[in-house]
Amino acid sequence: MDDLEGIEPALRDRLNALGPETRAVLLHVLKLPDLERVRSIGEFYSDPRTRDFSQLLVDLEESSPQTRAVVMGYLRDPEPRGGS
């Protein structure tokens, strides 16, 4: 499963709303080792302009490994899909 059909609609909508640059940053952060990922989330959270993005990262951290894998597969695809 590499699209968003099987995950919750609210998360799917949040991901579908991301532009290509934000998708690339999100994928990059998700691929970081654990401690670097946590540090990046903190850096995004400390800036009010990126606090919503940090919350998306936190939500993904709290999700299942399967959900994170689906999201990473989705983000690798240059054309968003999965509906809303």
N, C-alpha and C. Protein backbone atom coordinates (compact mmCIF):
# COMPACT_ATOMS: atom_id res chain seq x y z
N MET A 1 0.86 -1.17 0.00
CA MET A 1 0.00 0.00 0.00
C MET A 1 0.90 1.23 0.00
N ASP A 2 0.93 1.96 -1.10
CA ASP A 2 1.79 3.14 -1.15
C ASP A 2 0.99 4.42 -1.37
N ASP A 3 -0.34 4.34 -1.26
CA ASP A 3 -1.14 5.56 -1.31
C ASP A 3 -1.79 5.74 0.05
N LEU A 4 -2.62 6.73 0.19
CA LEU A 4 -3.16 7.09 1.50
C LEU A 4 -4.56 6.54 1.76
N GLU A 5 -5.02 5.63 0.93
CA GLU A 5 -6.38 5.12 1.08
C GLU A 5 -6.63 4.51 2.46
N GLY A 6 -5.62 3.86 3.05
CA GLY A 6 -5.83 3.13 4.29
C GLY A 6 -5.57 3.92 5.55
N ILE A 7 -5.29 5.21 5.47
CA ILE A 7 -5.04 5.96 6.69
C ILE A 7 -6.16 6.96 6.94
N GLU A 8 -6.17 7.52 8.12
CA GLU A 8 -7.28 8.38 8.52
C GLU A 8 -7.43 9.59 7.60
N PRO A 9 -8.66 9.96 7.31
CA PRO A 9 -8.92 11.06 6.37
C PRO A 9 -8.28 12.39 6.77
N ALA A 10 -8.24 12.70 8.05
CA ALA A 10 -7.67 13.98 8.48
C ALA A 10 -6.18 14.06 8.13
N LEU A 11 -5.46 12.98 8.35
CA LEU A 11 -4.04 12.95 7.99
C LEU A 11 -3.87 13.01 6.49
N ARG A 12 -4.69 12.28 5.78
CA ARG A 12 -4.64 12.29 4.31
C ARG A 12 -4.85 13.71 3.79
N ASP A 13 -5.81 14.42 4.34
CA ASP A 13 -6.09 15.79 3.90
C ASP A 13 -4.90 16.71 4.19
N ARG A 14 -4.29 16.55 5.36
CA ARG A 14 -3.13 17.37 5.71
C ARG A 14 -1.99 17.13 4.73
N LEU A 15 -1.75 15.89 4.38
CA LEU A 15 -0.66 15.56 3.46
C LEU A 15 -0.96 16.05 2.05
N ASN A 16 -2.21 15.91 1.62
CA ASN A 16 -2.58 16.35 0.27
C ASN A 16 -2.48 17.87 0.12
N ALA A 17 -2.55 18.60 1.23
CA ALA A 17 -2.49 20.05 1.18
C ALA A 17 -1.05 20.57 1.08
N LEU A 18 -0.07 19.70 1.26
CA LEU A 18 1.33 20.13 1.22
C LEU A 18 1.79 20.40 -0.20
N GLY A 19 2.59 21.44 -0.35
CA GLY A 19 3.22 21.73 -1.63
C GLY A 19 4.46 20.86 -1.81
N PRO A 20 5.02 20.85 -3.00
CA PRO A 20 6.16 19.97 -3.29
C PRO A 20 7.38 20.23 -2.40
N GLU A 21 7.67 21.47 -2.09
CA GLU A 21 8.84 21.75 -1.25
C GLU A 21 8.63 21.24 0.17
N THR A 22 7.44 21.45 0.69
CA THR A 22 7.14 20.97 2.05
C THR A 22 7.14 19.45 2.09
N ARG A 23 6.61 18.82 1.04
CA ARG A 23 6.65 17.36 0.96
C ARG A 23 8.08 16.85 1.00
N ALA A 24 8.98 17.53 0.29
CA ALA A 24 10.39 17.12 0.26
C ALA A 24 11.03 17.27 1.64
N VAL A 25 10.72 18.35 2.34
CA VAL A 25 11.27 18.55 3.69
C VAL A 25 10.72 17.49 4.63
N LEU A 26 9.44 17.22 4.55
CA LEU A 26 8.82 16.21 5.40
C LEU A 26 9.47 14.85 5.18
N LEU A 27 9.64 14.46 3.94
CA LEU A 27 10.28 13.18 3.64
C LEU A 27 11.70 13.15 4.19
N HIS A 28 12.43 14.24 3.99
CA HIS A 28 13.80 14.30 4.51
C HIS A 28 13.83 14.09 6.03
N VAL A 29 12.96 14.78 6.74
CA VAL A 29 12.94 14.67 8.20
C VAL A 29 12.53 13.26 8.62
N LEU A 30 11.56 12.68 7.96
CA LEU A 30 11.12 11.33 8.33
C LEU A 30 12.21 10.29 8.12
N LYS A 31 13.14 10.55 7.22
CA LYS A 31 14.21 9.61 6.94
C LYS A 31 15.41 9.76 7.88
N LEU A 32 15.42 10.80 8.70
CA LEU A 32 16.53 11.03 9.61
C LEU A 32 16.56 9.98 10.72
N PRO A 33 17.75 9.71 11.28
CA PRO A 33 17.82 8.85 12.47
C PRO A 33 17.01 9.47 13.61
N ASP A 34 16.60 8.66 14.55
CA ASP A 34 15.69 9.08 15.61
C ASP A 34 16.09 10.39 16.30
N LEU A 35 17.30 10.47 16.81
CA LEU A 35 17.69 11.68 17.56
C LEU A 35 17.73 12.92 16.68
N GLU A 36 18.18 12.78 15.46
CA GLU A 36 18.19 13.93 14.55
C GLU A 36 16.77 14.35 14.20
N ARG A 37 15.88 13.38 14.04
CA ARG A 37 14.48 13.68 13.73
C ARG A 37 13.84 14.44 14.89
N VAL A 38 14.10 14.00 16.11
CA VAL A 38 13.54 14.68 17.29
C VAL A 38 14.09 16.09 17.38
N ARG A 39 15.37 16.27 17.13
CA ARG A 39 15.97 17.61 17.16
C ARG A 39 15.32 18.50 16.10
N SER A 40 15.10 17.96 14.90
CA SER A 40 14.48 18.74 13.83
C SER A 40 13.06 19.15 14.19
N ILE A 41 12.33 18.23 14.80
CA ILE A 41 10.96 18.55 15.22
C ILE A 41 11.00 19.71 16.21
N GLY A 42 11.94 19.68 17.15
CA GLY A 42 12.08 20.76 18.12
C GLY A 42 12.41 22.08 17.46
N GLU A 43 13.27 22.04 16.46
CA GLU A 43 13.62 23.27 15.74
C GLU A 43 12.41 23.84 15.00
N PHE A 44 11.64 22.97 14.35
CA PHE A 44 10.44 23.45 13.68
C PHE A 44 9.43 23.99 14.69
N TYR A 45 9.32 23.34 15.85
CA TYR A 45 8.37 23.78 16.86
C TYR A 45 8.77 25.14 17.44
N SER A 46 10.06 25.39 17.55
CA SER A 46 10.50 26.64 18.18
C SER A 46 10.21 27.87 17.31
N ASP A 47 9.94 27.68 16.04
CA ASP A 47 9.63 28.79 15.14
C ASP A 47 8.12 28.83 14.93
N PRO A 48 7.45 29.90 15.35
CA PRO A 48 5.98 29.97 15.20
C PRO A 48 5.51 29.76 13.76
N ARG A 49 6.35 30.10 12.79
CA ARG A 49 5.95 29.95 11.38
C ARG A 49 5.90 28.48 10.95
N THR A 50 6.60 27.60 11.66
CA THR A 50 6.63 26.19 11.27
C THR A 50 6.05 25.27 12.35
N ARG A 51 5.35 25.87 13.29
CA ARG A 51 4.80 25.07 14.39
C ARG A 51 3.76 24.06 13.91
N ASP A 52 2.92 24.43 12.94
CA ASP A 52 1.94 23.47 12.42
C ASP A 52 2.64 22.29 11.74
N PHE A 53 3.72 22.58 11.03
CA PHE A 53 4.50 21.52 10.39
C PHE A 53 5.09 20.60 11.46
N SER A 54 5.58 21.17 12.56
CA SER A 54 6.14 20.34 13.62
C SER A 54 5.06 19.46 14.23
N GLN A 55 3.83 19.96 14.31
CA GLN A 55 2.75 19.14 14.85
C GLN A 55 2.45 17.96 13.93
N LEU A 56 2.53 18.17 12.63
CA LEU A 56 2.36 17.06 11.69
C LEU A 56 3.44 16.02 11.93
N LEU A 57 4.68 16.46 12.13
CA LEU A 57 5.77 15.53 12.42
C LEU A 57 5.52 14.77 13.72
N VAL A 58 5.06 15.45 14.75
CA VAL A 58 4.75 14.80 16.02
C VAL A 58 3.65 13.76 15.82
N ASP A 59 2.62 14.12 15.09
CA ASP A 59 1.53 13.18 14.84
C ASP A 59 2.03 11.94 14.11
N LEU A 60 2.95 12.13 13.17
CA LEU A 60 3.51 10.99 12.46
C LEU A 60 4.40 10.15 13.37
N GLU A 61 5.12 10.80 14.28
CA GLU A 61 5.94 10.06 15.25
C GLU A 61 5.06 9.17 16.12
N GLU A 62 3.88 9.65 16.44
CA GLU A 62 2.97 8.91 17.31
C GLU A 62 2.14 7.86 16.57
N SER A 63 2.22 7.87 15.26
CA SER A 63 1.44 6.92 14.46
C SER A 63 2.17 5.58 14.38
N SER A 64 1.52 4.62 13.79
CA SER A 64 2.10 3.28 13.65
C SER A 64 3.22 3.29 12.62
N PRO A 65 4.15 2.35 12.74
CA PRO A 65 5.20 2.24 11.72
C PRO A 65 4.63 2.03 10.31
N GLN A 66 3.52 1.32 10.21
CA GLN A 66 2.90 1.10 8.90
C GLN A 66 2.41 2.43 8.31
N THR A 67 1.79 3.25 9.14
CA THR A 67 1.32 4.56 8.66
C THR A 67 2.48 5.41 8.19
N ARG A 68 3.56 5.44 8.97
CA ARG A 68 4.74 6.21 8.57
C ARG A 68 5.31 5.69 7.25
N ALA A 69 5.33 4.37 7.09
CA ALA A 69 5.85 3.79 5.83
C ALA A 69 4.97 4.20 4.66
N VAL A 70 3.67 4.18 4.83
CA VAL A 70 2.75 4.59 3.77
C VAL A 70 2.98 6.06 3.43
N VAL A 71 3.12 6.89 4.45
CA VAL A 71 3.34 8.31 4.22
C VAL A 71 4.65 8.54 3.48
N MET A 72 5.69 7.83 3.86
CA MET A 72 6.97 7.99 3.16
C MET A 72 6.86 7.56 1.70
N GLY A 73 6.17 6.47 1.43
CA GLY A 73 5.96 6.05 0.04
C GLY A 73 5.17 7.08 -0.74
N TYR A 74 4.18 7.64 -0.10
CA TYR A 74 3.36 8.68 -0.73
C TYR A 74 4.20 9.92 -1.05
N LEU A 75 5.05 10.31 -0.11
CA LEU A 75 5.86 11.51 -0.30
C LEU A 75 6.92 11.32 -1.38
N ARG A 76 7.34 10.10 -1.61
CA ARG A 76 8.33 9.84 -2.66
C ARG A 76 7.73 9.99 -4.06
N ASP A 77 6.42 9.87 -4.15
CA ASP A 77 5.71 9.96 -5.43
C ASP A 77 5.58 11.44 -5.80
N PRO A 78 6.06 11.83 -6.99
CA PRO A 78 5.98 13.25 -7.37
C PRO A 78 4.56 13.76 -7.59
N GLU A 79 3.63 12.87 -7.87
CA GLU A 79 2.23 13.27 -8.08
C GLU A 79 1.38 12.80 -6.91
N PRO A 80 0.91 13.71 -6.04
CA PRO A 80 0.08 13.29 -4.92
C PRO A 80 -1.15 12.53 -5.38
N ARG A 81 -1.52 11.55 -4.61
CA ARG A 81 -2.74 10.79 -4.89
C ARG A 81 -3.31 10.30 -3.58
N GLY A 82 -4.39 9.62 -3.62
CA GLY A 82 -4.99 9.10 -2.41
C GLY A 82 -6.29 9.79 -2.07
N GLY A 83 -6.65 10.79 -2.83
CA GLY A 83 -7.93 11.46 -2.64
C GLY A 83 -8.04 12.18 -1.33
N SER A 84 -9.18 12.82 -1.14
CA SER A 84 -9.42 13.46 0.15
C SER A 84 -10.85 13.29 0.54
